[in-house]
Amino acid sequence: MTFIHWRYSPAVVQSLLPGWLTVQEFDGSAWVGLTPFLMDDVRVPGTPALPWLSRFPETNVRTYVRDARGRDGLWFLSLDAGRLLPALGGRTGYGLPYHWSDMSVRVEGDRRSYRCQRRLIGPVGARCDADVEVGAPLSDAERDGLTDFLTERYRLFTTVGGRPAHAEVDHRPWPLRRARPTRLDQDLLQAGGLPAPEGDPLLYASPGVRVRIGMWSLS
């Protein structure tokens, strides 16, 4: 998984949120993440993984929010999946804005290549081509407040049947490494309603963790 983040104006991000959520700021900015990764061993608890369906690429566009009860979490502007059935399941089961895309993840030593081009549930053709070079692990001293703000999130917010809802997300802290982009060509953020990002992004890479997502509950 690679975390790619840019600063945004809080007012710009707030305009894309439902009224029951407030954008969270860090250092006076809202932050938007582009997170390409490979899903593996995906399954409903108590059932076996299925060949082909249980392993696929995904790329999310997300931001960081708080609800009226003061709980923080993730709000997804879009989620692209490389399998149609998981994309449809995410839309129908969790009310999340999933899209079906032509995607790939390639790992060669310390290099990661992510490809995504949207196929269905528009805007068709939106894409992300990202090549990343992974460096040394972050030391404890390098894991500052911003690092945790951007990566350690244990709740997602959504809307189910027009009503606010949330689901708990359980995982151990992400083991993080330094990373730098060698190629980044994307318009998924713009497809989600944002202006094109400005400035250099902040990157972290991770070999991944096991994640369990609970069933949604009305907020």
N, C-alpha and C. Protein backbone atom coordinates (compact mmCIF):
# COMPACT_ATOMS: atom_id res chain seq x y z
N MET A 1 0.85 -1.19 0.00
CA MET A 1 0.00 0.00 0.00
C MET A 1 0.88 1.23 0.00
N THR A 2 0.45 2.25 -0.74
CA THR A 2 1.14 3.53 -0.73
C THR A 2 0.14 4.63 -0.37
N PHE A 3 0.55 5.49 0.56
CA PHE A 3 -0.25 6.64 0.97
C PHE A 3 0.33 7.88 0.27
N ILE A 4 -0.47 8.54 -0.55
CA ILE A 4 -0.05 9.74 -1.27
C ILE A 4 -1.00 10.86 -0.85
N HIS A 5 -0.47 11.94 -0.26
CA HIS A 5 -1.32 12.98 0.32
C HIS A 5 -0.93 14.37 -0.15
N TRP A 6 -1.97 15.21 -0.28
CA TRP A 6 -1.80 16.63 -0.57
C TRP A 6 -2.60 17.46 0.42
N ARG A 7 -2.11 18.67 0.66
CA ARG A 7 -2.88 19.66 1.41
C ARG A 7 -3.98 20.26 0.53
N TYR A 8 -5.10 20.58 1.16
CA TYR A 8 -6.19 21.29 0.48
C TYR A 8 -6.79 22.33 1.42
N SER A 9 -7.45 23.28 0.84
CA SER A 9 -8.22 24.24 1.63
C SER A 9 -9.34 23.52 2.35
N PRO A 10 -9.50 23.73 3.66
CA PRO A 10 -10.61 23.09 4.37
C PRO A 10 -11.97 23.40 3.75
N ALA A 11 -12.17 24.63 3.27
CA ALA A 11 -13.46 25.00 2.69
C ALA A 11 -13.74 24.20 1.42
N VAL A 12 -12.71 23.93 0.62
CA VAL A 12 -12.89 23.16 -0.61
C VAL A 12 -13.33 21.74 -0.27
N VAL A 13 -12.67 21.11 0.68
CA VAL A 13 -13.03 19.74 1.05
C VAL A 13 -14.40 19.71 1.74
N GLN A 14 -14.66 20.68 2.61
CA GLN A 14 -15.94 20.70 3.31
C GLN A 14 -17.11 20.75 2.33
N SER A 15 -16.92 21.42 1.21
CA SER A 15 -18.02 21.54 0.23
C SER A 15 -18.40 20.20 -0.38
N LEU A 16 -17.56 19.17 -0.24
CA LEU A 16 -17.84 17.85 -0.79
C LEU A 16 -18.37 16.88 0.25
N LEU A 17 -18.53 17.33 1.48
CA LEU A 17 -18.97 16.46 2.57
C LEU A 17 -20.46 16.63 2.84
N PRO A 18 -21.11 15.58 3.36
CA PRO A 18 -22.49 15.74 3.82
C PRO A 18 -22.51 16.66 5.05
N GLY A 19 -23.66 17.26 5.30
CA GLY A 19 -23.75 18.26 6.36
C GLY A 19 -23.48 17.75 7.75
N TRP A 20 -23.55 16.45 7.96
CA TRP A 20 -23.34 15.90 9.31
C TRP A 20 -21.87 15.58 9.60
N LEU A 21 -21.00 15.89 8.67
CA LEU A 21 -19.56 15.69 8.87
C LEU A 21 -18.81 17.01 8.73
N THR A 22 -17.72 17.14 9.49
CA THR A 22 -16.86 18.31 9.44
C THR A 22 -15.45 17.86 9.08
N VAL A 23 -14.82 18.56 8.15
CA VAL A 23 -13.46 18.21 7.76
C VAL A 23 -12.52 18.42 8.94
N GLN A 24 -11.58 17.49 9.11
CA GLN A 24 -10.53 17.64 10.11
C GLN A 24 -9.32 18.32 9.48
N GLU A 25 -8.69 19.19 10.24
CA GLU A 25 -7.51 19.90 9.77
C GLU A 25 -6.28 19.44 10.55
N PHE A 26 -5.14 19.55 9.89
CA PHE A 26 -3.85 19.39 10.55
C PHE A 26 -2.93 20.47 10.01
N ASP A 27 -2.33 21.24 10.90
CA ASP A 27 -1.50 22.39 10.50
C ASP A 27 -2.27 23.36 9.62
N GLY A 28 -3.57 23.53 9.90
CA GLY A 28 -4.38 24.50 9.18
C GLY A 28 -4.89 24.06 7.83
N SER A 29 -4.62 22.81 7.45
CA SER A 29 -5.02 22.31 6.13
C SER A 29 -5.91 21.09 6.27
N ALA A 30 -6.79 20.92 5.31
CA ALA A 30 -7.41 19.61 5.10
C ALA A 30 -6.42 18.77 4.30
N TRP A 31 -6.55 17.46 4.39
CA TRP A 31 -5.65 16.57 3.66
C TRP A 31 -6.48 15.56 2.88
N VAL A 32 -6.06 15.31 1.66
CA VAL A 32 -6.72 14.34 0.79
C VAL A 32 -5.70 13.28 0.42
N GLY A 33 -6.08 12.02 0.58
CA GLY A 33 -5.19 10.92 0.29
C GLY A 33 -5.59 10.14 -0.95
N LEU A 34 -4.61 9.79 -1.74
CA LEU A 34 -4.76 8.86 -2.87
C LEU A 34 -4.01 7.60 -2.43
N THR A 35 -4.72 6.49 -2.26
CA THR A 35 -4.11 5.31 -1.65
C THR A 35 -4.29 4.09 -2.55
N PRO A 36 -3.31 3.79 -3.40
CA PRO A 36 -3.36 2.56 -4.20
C PRO A 36 -2.77 1.39 -3.42
N PHE A 37 -3.37 0.21 -3.58
CA PHE A 37 -2.89 -0.94 -2.83
C PHE A 37 -3.43 -2.22 -3.45
N LEU A 38 -2.95 -3.34 -2.91
CA LEU A 38 -3.41 -4.66 -3.35
C LEU A 38 -4.18 -5.32 -2.22
N MET A 39 -5.42 -5.67 -2.48
CA MET A 39 -6.24 -6.42 -1.53
C MET A 39 -5.95 -7.91 -1.71
N ASP A 40 -5.77 -8.62 -0.60
CA ASP A 40 -5.46 -10.05 -0.67
C ASP A 40 -6.21 -10.78 0.44
N ASP A 41 -6.66 -11.99 0.14
CA ASP A 41 -7.38 -12.82 1.12
C ASP A 41 -8.67 -12.12 1.59
N VAL A 42 -9.35 -11.44 0.68
CA VAL A 42 -10.59 -10.75 1.02
C VAL A 42 -11.71 -11.78 1.17
N ARG A 43 -12.42 -11.71 2.30
CA ARG A 43 -13.49 -12.69 2.53
C ARG A 43 -14.38 -12.22 3.66
N VAL A 44 -15.57 -12.76 3.69
CA VAL A 44 -16.47 -12.59 4.82
C VAL A 44 -15.98 -13.47 5.95
N PRO A 45 -15.95 -12.99 7.20
CA PRO A 45 -15.48 -13.82 8.31
C PRO A 45 -16.20 -15.17 8.36
N GLY A 46 -15.43 -16.22 8.57
CA GLY A 46 -15.99 -17.56 8.66
C GLY A 46 -16.13 -18.27 7.33
N THR A 47 -15.74 -17.61 6.23
CA THR A 47 -15.83 -18.22 4.91
C THR A 47 -14.43 -18.27 4.29
N PRO A 48 -14.18 -19.18 3.38
CA PRO A 48 -12.85 -19.25 2.76
C PRO A 48 -12.68 -18.17 1.70
N ALA A 49 -11.41 -17.84 1.44
CA ALA A 49 -11.10 -16.95 0.33
C ALA A 49 -11.42 -17.66 -0.98
N LEU A 50 -11.85 -16.91 -1.97
CA LEU A 50 -12.23 -17.47 -3.26
C LEU A 50 -11.19 -17.10 -4.31
N PRO A 51 -10.79 -18.06 -5.12
CA PRO A 51 -9.83 -17.74 -6.18
C PRO A 51 -10.36 -16.60 -7.05
N TRP A 52 -9.47 -15.72 -7.44
CA TRP A 52 -9.75 -14.59 -8.32
C TRP A 52 -10.50 -13.46 -7.60
N LEU A 53 -11.59 -13.78 -6.89
CA LEU A 53 -12.38 -12.73 -6.25
C LEU A 53 -11.72 -12.16 -5.01
N SER A 54 -10.84 -12.92 -4.38
CA SER A 54 -10.29 -12.51 -3.09
C SER A 54 -8.97 -11.74 -3.20
N ARG A 55 -8.51 -11.49 -4.41
CA ARG A 55 -7.25 -10.76 -4.60
C ARG A 55 -7.43 -9.79 -5.77
N PHE A 56 -7.31 -8.50 -5.50
CA PHE A 56 -7.50 -7.51 -6.56
C PHE A 56 -6.93 -6.16 -6.12
N PRO A 57 -6.57 -5.30 -7.07
CA PRO A 57 -6.10 -3.96 -6.74
C PRO A 57 -7.25 -3.04 -6.36
N GLU A 58 -6.92 -2.04 -5.60
CA GLU A 58 -7.89 -1.01 -5.24
C GLU A 58 -7.16 0.32 -5.10
N THR A 59 -7.83 1.40 -5.42
CA THR A 59 -7.30 2.74 -5.24
C THR A 59 -8.40 3.63 -4.68
N ASN A 60 -8.11 4.28 -3.55
CA ASN A 60 -9.12 5.11 -2.89
C ASN A 60 -8.71 6.57 -2.88
N VAL A 61 -9.69 7.45 -2.93
CA VAL A 61 -9.50 8.87 -2.67
C VAL A 61 -10.28 9.18 -1.40
N ARG A 62 -9.58 9.66 -0.38
CA ARG A 62 -10.20 9.79 0.94
C ARG A 62 -9.78 11.07 1.62
N THR A 63 -10.57 11.49 2.59
CA THR A 63 -10.22 12.62 3.43
C THR A 63 -10.60 12.29 4.86
N TYR A 64 -10.35 13.24 5.77
CA TYR A 64 -10.40 12.96 7.20
C TYR A 64 -11.41 13.88 7.85
N VAL A 65 -12.31 13.30 8.63
CA VAL A 65 -13.50 14.02 9.06
C VAL A 65 -13.84 13.67 10.51
N ARG A 66 -14.79 14.45 11.06
CA ARG A 66 -15.31 14.21 12.40
C ARG A 66 -16.82 14.39 12.34
N ASP A 67 -17.57 13.54 13.08
CA ASP A 67 -19.02 13.68 13.08
C ASP A 67 -19.48 14.53 14.26
N ALA A 68 -20.79 14.71 14.40
CA ALA A 68 -21.33 15.59 15.43
C ALA A 68 -21.06 15.09 16.84
N ARG A 69 -20.75 13.80 16.98
CA ARG A 69 -20.44 13.22 18.29
C ARG A 69 -18.95 13.28 18.59
N GLY A 70 -18.17 13.91 17.72
CA GLY A 70 -16.74 14.05 17.95
C GLY A 70 -15.91 12.86 17.55
N ARG A 71 -16.50 11.90 16.86
CA ARG A 71 -15.76 10.71 16.42
C ARG A 71 -15.08 11.01 15.09
N ASP A 72 -13.80 10.64 14.98
CA ASP A 72 -13.10 10.90 13.73
C ASP A 72 -13.04 9.65 12.88
N GLY A 73 -12.76 9.84 11.59
CA GLY A 73 -12.71 8.71 10.68
C GLY A 73 -12.46 9.16 9.25
N LEU A 74 -12.75 8.25 8.34
CA LEU A 74 -12.52 8.45 6.91
C LEU A 74 -13.82 8.75 6.18
N TRP A 75 -13.71 9.61 5.18
CA TRP A 75 -14.79 9.79 4.21
C TRP A 75 -14.19 9.57 2.83
N PHE A 76 -14.79 8.67 2.06
CA PHE A 76 -14.26 8.33 0.75
C PHE A 76 -14.96 9.13 -0.33
N LEU A 77 -14.16 9.82 -1.14
CA LEU A 77 -14.69 10.51 -2.32
C LEU A 77 -14.85 9.53 -3.49
N SER A 78 -14.03 8.49 -3.51
CA SER A 78 -14.18 7.43 -4.51
C SER A 78 -13.35 6.24 -4.08
N LEU A 79 -13.77 5.06 -4.57
CA LEU A 79 -13.00 3.83 -4.40
C LEU A 79 -13.06 3.08 -5.72
N ASP A 80 -11.91 2.75 -6.28
CA ASP A 80 -11.84 1.99 -7.52
C ASP A 80 -11.34 0.59 -7.20
N ALA A 81 -12.02 -0.42 -7.72
CA ALA A 81 -11.65 -1.82 -7.49
C ALA A 81 -11.45 -2.52 -8.82
N GLY A 82 -10.52 -3.47 -8.83
CA GLY A 82 -10.21 -4.20 -10.06
C GLY A 82 -11.11 -5.39 -10.32
N ARG A 83 -12.13 -5.60 -9.50
CA ARG A 83 -13.11 -6.66 -9.70
C ARG A 83 -14.50 -6.05 -9.63
N LEU A 84 -15.39 -6.46 -10.53
CA LEU A 84 -16.73 -5.88 -10.58
C LEU A 84 -17.56 -6.26 -9.36
N LEU A 85 -17.56 -7.54 -8.97
CA LEU A 85 -18.42 -7.96 -7.86
C LEU A 85 -18.07 -7.26 -6.54
N PRO A 86 -16.79 -7.15 -6.15
CA PRO A 86 -16.50 -6.37 -4.95
C PRO A 86 -16.92 -4.91 -5.05
N ALA A 87 -16.80 -4.32 -6.24
CA ALA A 87 -17.24 -2.93 -6.41
C ALA A 87 -18.74 -2.81 -6.19
N LEU A 88 -19.49 -3.73 -6.77
CA LEU A 88 -20.94 -3.70 -6.58
C LEU A 88 -21.30 -4.00 -5.12
N GLY A 89 -20.55 -4.93 -4.50
CA GLY A 89 -20.81 -5.25 -3.11
C GLY A 89 -20.55 -4.07 -2.19
N GLY A 90 -19.49 -3.31 -2.46
CA GLY A 90 -19.20 -2.14 -1.65
C GLY A 90 -20.25 -1.06 -1.79
N ARG A 91 -20.81 -0.93 -2.99
CA ARG A 91 -21.88 0.04 -3.20
C ARG A 91 -23.18 -0.37 -2.51
N THR A 92 -23.55 -1.63 -2.68
CA THR A 92 -24.83 -2.07 -2.14
C THR A 92 -24.75 -2.39 -0.65
N GLY A 93 -23.61 -2.93 -0.20
CA GLY A 93 -23.50 -3.34 1.19
C GLY A 93 -23.15 -2.23 2.15
N TYR A 94 -22.34 -1.27 1.68
CA TYR A 94 -21.86 -0.21 2.57
C TYR A 94 -22.19 1.20 2.08
N GLY A 95 -22.82 1.31 0.93
CA GLY A 95 -23.16 2.63 0.42
C GLY A 95 -21.95 3.46 0.02
N LEU A 96 -20.83 2.80 -0.29
CA LEU A 96 -19.61 3.50 -0.63
C LEU A 96 -19.52 3.73 -2.14
N PRO A 97 -18.89 4.83 -2.58
CA PRO A 97 -18.86 5.18 -4.01
C PRO A 97 -17.80 4.38 -4.77
N TYR A 98 -18.03 3.08 -4.89
CA TYR A 98 -17.11 2.20 -5.62
C TYR A 98 -17.30 2.33 -7.12
N HIS A 99 -16.18 2.13 -7.85
CA HIS A 99 -16.18 2.09 -9.30
C HIS A 99 -15.41 0.85 -9.75
N TRP A 100 -15.79 0.31 -10.88
CA TRP A 100 -15.07 -0.82 -11.46
C TRP A 100 -14.04 -0.29 -12.43
N SER A 101 -12.77 -0.71 -12.25
CA SER A 101 -11.68 -0.17 -13.05
C SER A 101 -10.76 -1.28 -13.55
N ASP A 102 -10.08 -0.99 -14.64
CA ASP A 102 -9.00 -1.83 -15.14
C ASP A 102 -7.75 -1.47 -14.34
N MET A 103 -7.23 -2.42 -13.53
CA MET A 103 -6.19 -2.07 -12.57
C MET A 103 -5.11 -3.14 -12.54
N SER A 104 -3.92 -2.73 -12.07
CA SER A 104 -2.82 -3.67 -11.84
C SER A 104 -1.89 -3.11 -10.78
N VAL A 105 -1.21 -4.01 -10.08
CA VAL A 105 -0.15 -3.66 -9.13
C VAL A 105 1.05 -4.55 -9.46
N ARG A 106 2.21 -3.92 -9.67
CA ARG A 106 3.43 -4.67 -9.97
C ARG A 106 4.49 -4.29 -8.95
N VAL A 107 5.17 -5.32 -8.41
CA VAL A 107 6.23 -5.11 -7.43
C VAL A 107 7.52 -5.68 -8.01
N GLU A 108 8.54 -4.84 -8.09
CA GLU A 108 9.86 -5.26 -8.55
C GLU A 108 10.90 -4.68 -7.59
N GLY A 109 11.37 -5.51 -6.65
CA GLY A 109 12.29 -5.02 -5.64
C GLY A 109 11.66 -3.93 -4.81
N ASP A 110 12.28 -2.74 -4.79
CA ASP A 110 11.74 -1.61 -4.04
C ASP A 110 10.87 -0.69 -4.88
N ARG A 111 10.47 -1.15 -6.05
CA ARG A 111 9.62 -0.34 -6.93
C ARG A 111 8.20 -0.90 -6.97
N ARG A 112 7.24 0.01 -6.90
CA ARG A 112 5.83 -0.35 -6.99
C ARG A 112 5.22 0.41 -8.16
N SER A 113 4.47 -0.30 -8.99
CA SER A 113 3.77 0.33 -10.11
C SER A 113 2.29 0.05 -9.98
N TYR A 114 1.50 1.11 -9.94
CA TYR A 114 0.04 1.01 -9.82
C TYR A 114 -0.59 1.60 -11.08
N ARG A 115 -1.56 0.88 -11.63
CA ARG A 115 -2.29 1.37 -12.79
C ARG A 115 -3.79 1.24 -12.52
N CYS A 116 -4.53 2.28 -12.90
CA CYS A 116 -5.98 2.29 -12.69
C CYS A 116 -6.62 3.14 -13.77
N GLN A 117 -7.59 2.58 -14.48
CA GLN A 117 -8.40 3.33 -15.43
C GLN A 117 -9.85 2.88 -15.27
N ARG A 118 -10.70 3.83 -14.97
CA ARG A 118 -12.10 3.52 -14.63
C ARG A 118 -12.86 3.00 -15.84
N ARG A 119 -13.62 1.92 -15.62
CA ARG A 119 -14.36 1.27 -16.69
C ARG A 119 -15.86 1.51 -16.58
N LEU A 120 -16.37 1.54 -15.35
CA LEU A 120 -17.82 1.55 -15.17
C LEU A 120 -18.17 2.33 -13.92
N ILE A 121 -19.30 3.00 -13.97
CA ILE A 121 -19.83 3.87 -12.91
C ILE A 121 -18.93 5.10 -12.87
N GLY A 122 -19.19 6.03 -13.73
CA GLY A 122 -18.40 7.16 -14.16
C GLY A 122 -17.74 8.00 -13.09
N PRO A 123 -16.94 9.02 -13.47
CA PRO A 123 -16.60 9.32 -14.86
C PRO A 123 -15.69 8.27 -15.47
N VAL A 124 -16.16 7.64 -16.52
CA VAL A 124 -15.38 6.60 -17.20
C VAL A 124 -14.11 7.22 -17.76
N GLY A 125 -13.00 6.50 -17.61
CA GLY A 125 -11.72 6.98 -18.11
C GLY A 125 -10.85 7.67 -17.08
N ALA A 126 -11.40 8.05 -15.92
CA ALA A 126 -10.57 8.62 -14.87
C ALA A 126 -9.47 7.61 -14.53
N ARG A 127 -8.26 8.11 -14.21
CA ARG A 127 -7.14 7.19 -14.11
C ARG A 127 -6.16 7.61 -13.03
N CYS A 128 -5.29 6.67 -12.68
CA CYS A 128 -4.14 6.93 -11.84
C CYS A 128 -3.02 5.99 -12.25
N ASP A 129 -1.92 6.54 -12.73
CA ASP A 129 -0.70 5.80 -13.00
C ASP A 129 0.35 6.30 -12.03
N ALA A 130 0.80 5.42 -11.13
CA ALA A 130 1.76 5.82 -10.10
C ALA A 130 2.89 4.81 -10.03
N ASP A 131 4.11 5.30 -10.13
CA ASP A 131 5.31 4.51 -9.90
C ASP A 131 6.00 5.07 -8.67
N VAL A 132 6.31 4.19 -7.74
CA VAL A 132 6.82 4.62 -6.43
C VAL A 132 8.08 3.83 -6.11
N GLU A 133 9.07 4.52 -5.59
CA GLU A 133 10.29 3.89 -5.10
C GLU A 133 10.26 3.90 -3.58
N VAL A 134 10.36 2.72 -2.98
CA VAL A 134 10.24 2.58 -1.54
C VAL A 134 11.61 2.61 -0.89
N GLY A 135 11.72 3.38 0.20
CA GLY A 135 12.99 3.55 0.90
C GLY A 135 13.01 2.86 2.25
N ALA A 136 13.78 3.43 3.17
CA ALA A 136 14.02 2.84 4.47
C ALA A 136 12.80 2.96 5.37
N PRO A 137 12.68 2.09 6.37
CA PRO A 137 11.58 2.21 7.32
C PRO A 137 11.64 3.53 8.08
N LEU A 138 10.46 4.05 8.43
CA LEU A 138 10.41 5.24 9.29
C LEU A 138 10.84 4.85 10.70
N SER A 139 11.67 5.68 11.31
CA SER A 139 12.02 5.48 12.71
C SER A 139 10.88 5.95 13.60
N ASP A 140 10.94 5.57 14.87
CA ASP A 140 9.91 6.03 15.81
C ASP A 140 9.89 7.55 15.88
N ALA A 141 11.06 8.17 15.78
CA ALA A 141 11.12 9.64 15.85
C ALA A 141 10.47 10.29 14.64
N GLU A 142 10.47 9.59 13.50
CA GLU A 142 9.88 10.14 12.28
C GLU A 142 8.37 9.97 12.23
N ARG A 143 7.83 9.12 13.09
CA ARG A 143 6.38 8.93 13.12
C ARG A 143 5.78 10.03 13.99
N ASP A 144 5.48 11.15 13.36
CA ASP A 144 4.99 12.31 14.10
C ASP A 144 3.47 12.35 14.08
N GLY A 145 2.92 13.45 14.57
CA GLY A 145 1.47 13.57 14.64
C GLY A 145 0.80 13.53 13.28
N LEU A 146 1.45 14.10 12.27
CA LEU A 146 0.86 14.08 10.93
C LEU A 146 0.82 12.66 10.38
N THR A 147 1.89 11.90 10.60
CA THR A 147 1.91 10.51 10.13
C THR A 147 0.73 9.73 10.67
N ASP A 148 0.50 9.83 11.98
CA ASP A 148 -0.62 9.11 12.57
C ASP A 148 -1.96 9.66 12.10
N PHE A 149 -2.06 10.98 11.93
CA PHE A 149 -3.29 11.60 11.45
C PHE A 149 -3.70 11.03 10.09
N LEU A 150 -2.72 10.79 9.22
CA LEU A 150 -3.01 10.36 7.86
C LEU A 150 -3.18 8.85 7.72
N THR A 151 -2.63 8.07 8.62
CA THR A 151 -2.62 6.62 8.42
C THR A 151 -3.39 5.83 9.46
N GLU A 152 -3.44 6.31 10.69
CA GLU A 152 -4.08 5.52 11.76
C GLU A 152 -5.54 5.94 11.91
N ARG A 153 -6.38 5.33 11.12
CA ARG A 153 -7.82 5.63 11.12
C ARG A 153 -8.59 4.34 11.33
N TYR A 154 -9.56 4.37 12.25
CA TYR A 154 -10.21 3.14 12.67
C TYR A 154 -11.74 3.21 12.54
N ARG A 155 -12.19 4.09 11.66
CA ARG A 155 -13.63 4.22 11.42
C ARG A 155 -13.83 4.81 10.04
N LEU A 156 -14.84 4.32 9.32
CA LEU A 156 -15.24 4.94 8.06
C LEU A 156 -16.68 5.40 8.19
N PHE A 157 -16.97 6.52 7.56
CA PHE A 157 -18.33 7.05 7.53
C PHE A 157 -18.91 6.84 6.14
N THR A 158 -20.22 6.64 6.11
CA THR A 158 -20.91 6.44 4.85
C THR A 158 -22.36 6.88 5.01
N THR A 159 -23.14 6.71 3.98
CA THR A 159 -24.57 6.99 4.02
C THR A 159 -25.30 5.76 3.52
N VAL A 160 -26.23 5.26 4.33
CA VAL A 160 -27.00 4.07 3.98
C VAL A 160 -28.48 4.44 3.99
N GLY A 161 -29.13 4.30 2.85
CA GLY A 161 -30.54 4.66 2.76
C GLY A 161 -30.78 6.12 3.06
N GLY A 162 -29.81 6.97 2.73
CA GLY A 162 -29.95 8.40 2.98
C GLY A 162 -29.66 8.82 4.41
N ARG A 163 -29.22 7.88 5.26
CA ARG A 163 -28.99 8.18 6.67
C ARG A 163 -27.50 8.00 7.00
N PRO A 164 -26.97 8.83 7.93
CA PRO A 164 -25.56 8.69 8.32
C PRO A 164 -25.29 7.33 8.94
N ALA A 165 -24.14 6.76 8.59
CA ALA A 165 -23.75 5.46 9.12
C ALA A 165 -22.24 5.42 9.25
N HIS A 166 -21.77 4.43 10.00
CA HIS A 166 -20.33 4.26 10.15
C HIS A 166 -20.02 2.78 10.33
N ALA A 167 -18.77 2.41 10.10
CA ALA A 167 -18.29 1.06 10.34
C ALA A 167 -16.92 1.15 11.00
N GLU A 168 -16.68 0.29 11.98
CA GLU A 168 -15.40 0.28 12.66
C GLU A 168 -14.37 -0.50 11.84
N VAL A 169 -13.13 -0.04 11.88
CA VAL A 169 -12.03 -0.64 11.13
C VAL A 169 -10.95 -1.04 12.13
N ASP A 170 -10.58 -2.32 12.12
CA ASP A 170 -9.62 -2.82 13.09
C ASP A 170 -8.35 -3.29 12.39
N HIS A 171 -7.21 -2.78 12.82
CA HIS A 171 -5.92 -3.25 12.31
C HIS A 171 -4.82 -2.77 13.25
N ARG A 172 -3.66 -3.41 13.18
CA ARG A 172 -2.51 -2.93 13.94
C ARG A 172 -1.92 -1.72 13.22
N PRO A 173 -1.08 -0.93 13.90
CA PRO A 173 -0.48 0.24 13.24
C PRO A 173 0.27 -0.16 11.97
N TRP A 174 0.14 0.68 10.95
CA TRP A 174 0.82 0.40 9.68
C TRP A 174 2.33 0.48 9.85
N PRO A 175 3.10 -0.54 9.45
CA PRO A 175 4.55 -0.38 9.35
C PRO A 175 4.85 0.46 8.11
N LEU A 176 5.52 1.59 8.32
CA LEU A 176 5.67 2.57 7.24
C LEU A 176 7.12 2.70 6.82
N ARG A 177 7.30 3.00 5.53
CA ARG A 177 8.62 3.25 4.95
C ARG A 177 8.57 4.57 4.20
N ARG A 178 9.71 5.18 4.04
CA ARG A 178 9.79 6.36 3.18
C ARG A 178 9.48 5.95 1.75
N ALA A 179 9.01 6.90 0.96
CA ALA A 179 8.71 6.61 -0.45
C ALA A 179 8.79 7.90 -1.24
N ARG A 180 9.07 7.74 -2.53
CA ARG A 180 9.06 8.89 -3.43
C ARG A 180 8.47 8.47 -4.76
N PRO A 181 7.73 9.38 -5.41
CA PRO A 181 7.15 9.06 -6.71
C PRO A 181 8.16 9.24 -7.84
N THR A 182 8.24 8.29 -8.72
CA THR A 182 9.03 8.47 -9.95
C THR A 182 8.11 8.79 -11.13
N ARG A 183 6.83 8.49 -10.99
CA ARG A 183 5.82 8.90 -11.97
C ARG A 183 4.49 9.00 -11.25
N LEU A 184 3.74 10.06 -11.52
CA LEU A 184 2.42 10.20 -10.93
C LEU A 184 1.55 10.99 -11.90
N ASP A 185 0.61 10.29 -12.51
CA ASP A 185 -0.30 10.89 -13.49
C ASP A 185 -1.70 10.45 -13.10
N GLN A 186 -2.49 11.38 -12.55
CA GLN A 186 -3.79 11.00 -12.04
C GLN A 186 -4.81 12.11 -12.26
N ASP A 187 -6.07 11.72 -12.40
CA ASP A 187 -7.16 12.67 -12.33
C ASP A 187 -8.33 12.11 -11.52
N LEU A 188 -8.06 11.14 -10.64
CA LEU A 188 -9.10 10.61 -9.77
C LEU A 188 -9.57 11.66 -8.76
N LEU A 189 -8.65 12.50 -8.29
CA LEU A 189 -9.06 13.55 -7.36
C LEU A 189 -10.01 14.52 -8.04
N GLN A 190 -9.68 14.90 -9.27
CA GLN A 190 -10.56 15.82 -10.00
C GLN A 190 -11.90 15.16 -10.31
N ALA A 191 -11.90 13.86 -10.61
CA ALA A 191 -13.16 13.15 -10.86
C ALA A 191 -14.03 13.12 -9.62
N GLY A 192 -13.41 13.20 -8.43
CA GLY A 192 -14.16 13.23 -7.18
C GLY A 192 -14.65 14.61 -6.79
N GLY A 193 -14.39 15.63 -7.63
CA GLY A 193 -14.90 16.97 -7.37
C GLY A 193 -13.89 17.96 -6.86
N LEU A 194 -12.63 17.54 -6.71
CA LEU A 194 -11.59 18.43 -6.21
C LEU A 194 -10.87 19.14 -7.35
N PRO A 195 -10.32 20.31 -7.08
CA PRO A 195 -9.38 20.88 -8.05
C PRO A 195 -8.11 20.05 -8.09
N ALA A 196 -7.34 20.17 -9.15
CA ALA A 196 -6.09 19.43 -9.26
C ALA A 196 -5.18 19.79 -8.08
N PRO A 197 -4.51 18.80 -7.50
CA PRO A 197 -3.64 19.09 -6.35
C PRO A 197 -2.46 19.96 -6.75
N GLU A 198 -1.99 20.74 -5.78
CA GLU A 198 -0.85 21.61 -6.01
C GLU A 198 0.31 21.19 -5.12
N GLY A 199 1.52 21.38 -5.61
CA GLY A 199 2.69 21.08 -4.81
C GLY A 199 3.04 19.60 -4.81
N ASP A 200 4.16 19.30 -4.19
CA ASP A 200 4.62 17.92 -4.11
C ASP A 200 3.81 17.15 -3.06
N PRO A 201 3.47 15.91 -3.35
CA PRO A 201 2.73 15.12 -2.37
C PRO A 201 3.65 14.58 -1.28
N LEU A 202 3.04 14.20 -0.17
CA LEU A 202 3.72 13.50 0.92
C LEU A 202 3.42 12.02 0.78
N LEU A 203 4.46 11.19 0.81
CA LEU A 203 4.27 9.75 0.56
C LEU A 203 4.80 8.91 1.71
N TYR A 204 4.08 7.82 1.97
CA TYR A 204 4.54 6.71 2.80
C TYR A 204 4.17 5.43 2.08
N ALA A 205 4.95 4.38 2.30
CA ALA A 205 4.62 3.06 1.75
C ALA A 205 4.57 2.05 2.89
N SER A 206 3.82 0.98 2.69
CA SER A 206 3.71 -0.05 3.71
C SER A 206 3.57 -1.41 3.04
N PRO A 207 4.16 -2.46 3.64
CA PRO A 207 3.94 -3.81 3.13
C PRO A 207 2.53 -4.31 3.40
N GLY A 208 1.80 -3.61 4.29
CA GLY A 208 0.40 -3.97 4.53
C GLY A 208 0.17 -4.55 5.91
N VAL A 209 -1.08 -4.61 6.30
CA VAL A 209 -1.53 -5.24 7.55
C VAL A 209 -2.84 -5.96 7.27
N ARG A 210 -3.21 -6.85 8.17
CA ARG A 210 -4.53 -7.47 8.09
C ARG A 210 -5.55 -6.49 8.65
N VAL A 211 -6.66 -6.33 7.93
CA VAL A 211 -7.69 -5.36 8.29
C VAL A 211 -9.03 -6.06 8.39
N ARG A 212 -9.77 -5.75 9.44
CA ARG A 212 -11.14 -6.25 9.58
C ARG A 212 -12.08 -5.05 9.63
N ILE A 213 -13.08 -5.06 8.75
CA ILE A 213 -14.07 -3.99 8.69
C ILE A 213 -15.40 -4.54 9.20
N GLY A 214 -15.94 -3.89 10.23
CA GLY A 214 -17.22 -4.33 10.79
C GLY A 214 -18.39 -3.95 9.92
N MET A 215 -19.54 -4.48 10.24
CA MET A 215 -20.76 -4.11 9.54
C MET A 215 -21.14 -2.68 9.91
N TRP A 216 -21.76 -1.98 8.99
CA TRP A 216 -22.15 -0.61 9.26
C TRP A 216 -23.24 -0.54 10.33
N SER A 217 -23.25 0.60 11.04
CA SER A 217 -24.30 0.94 12.00
C SER A 217 -24.75 2.35 11.73
N LEU A 218 -26.02 2.62 11.94
CA LEU A 218 -26.49 3.99 11.78
C LEU A 218 -25.88 4.87 12.87
N SER A 219 -25.44 6.06 12.47
CA SER A 219 -24.77 6.96 13.41
C SER A 219 -25.78 7.76 14.23
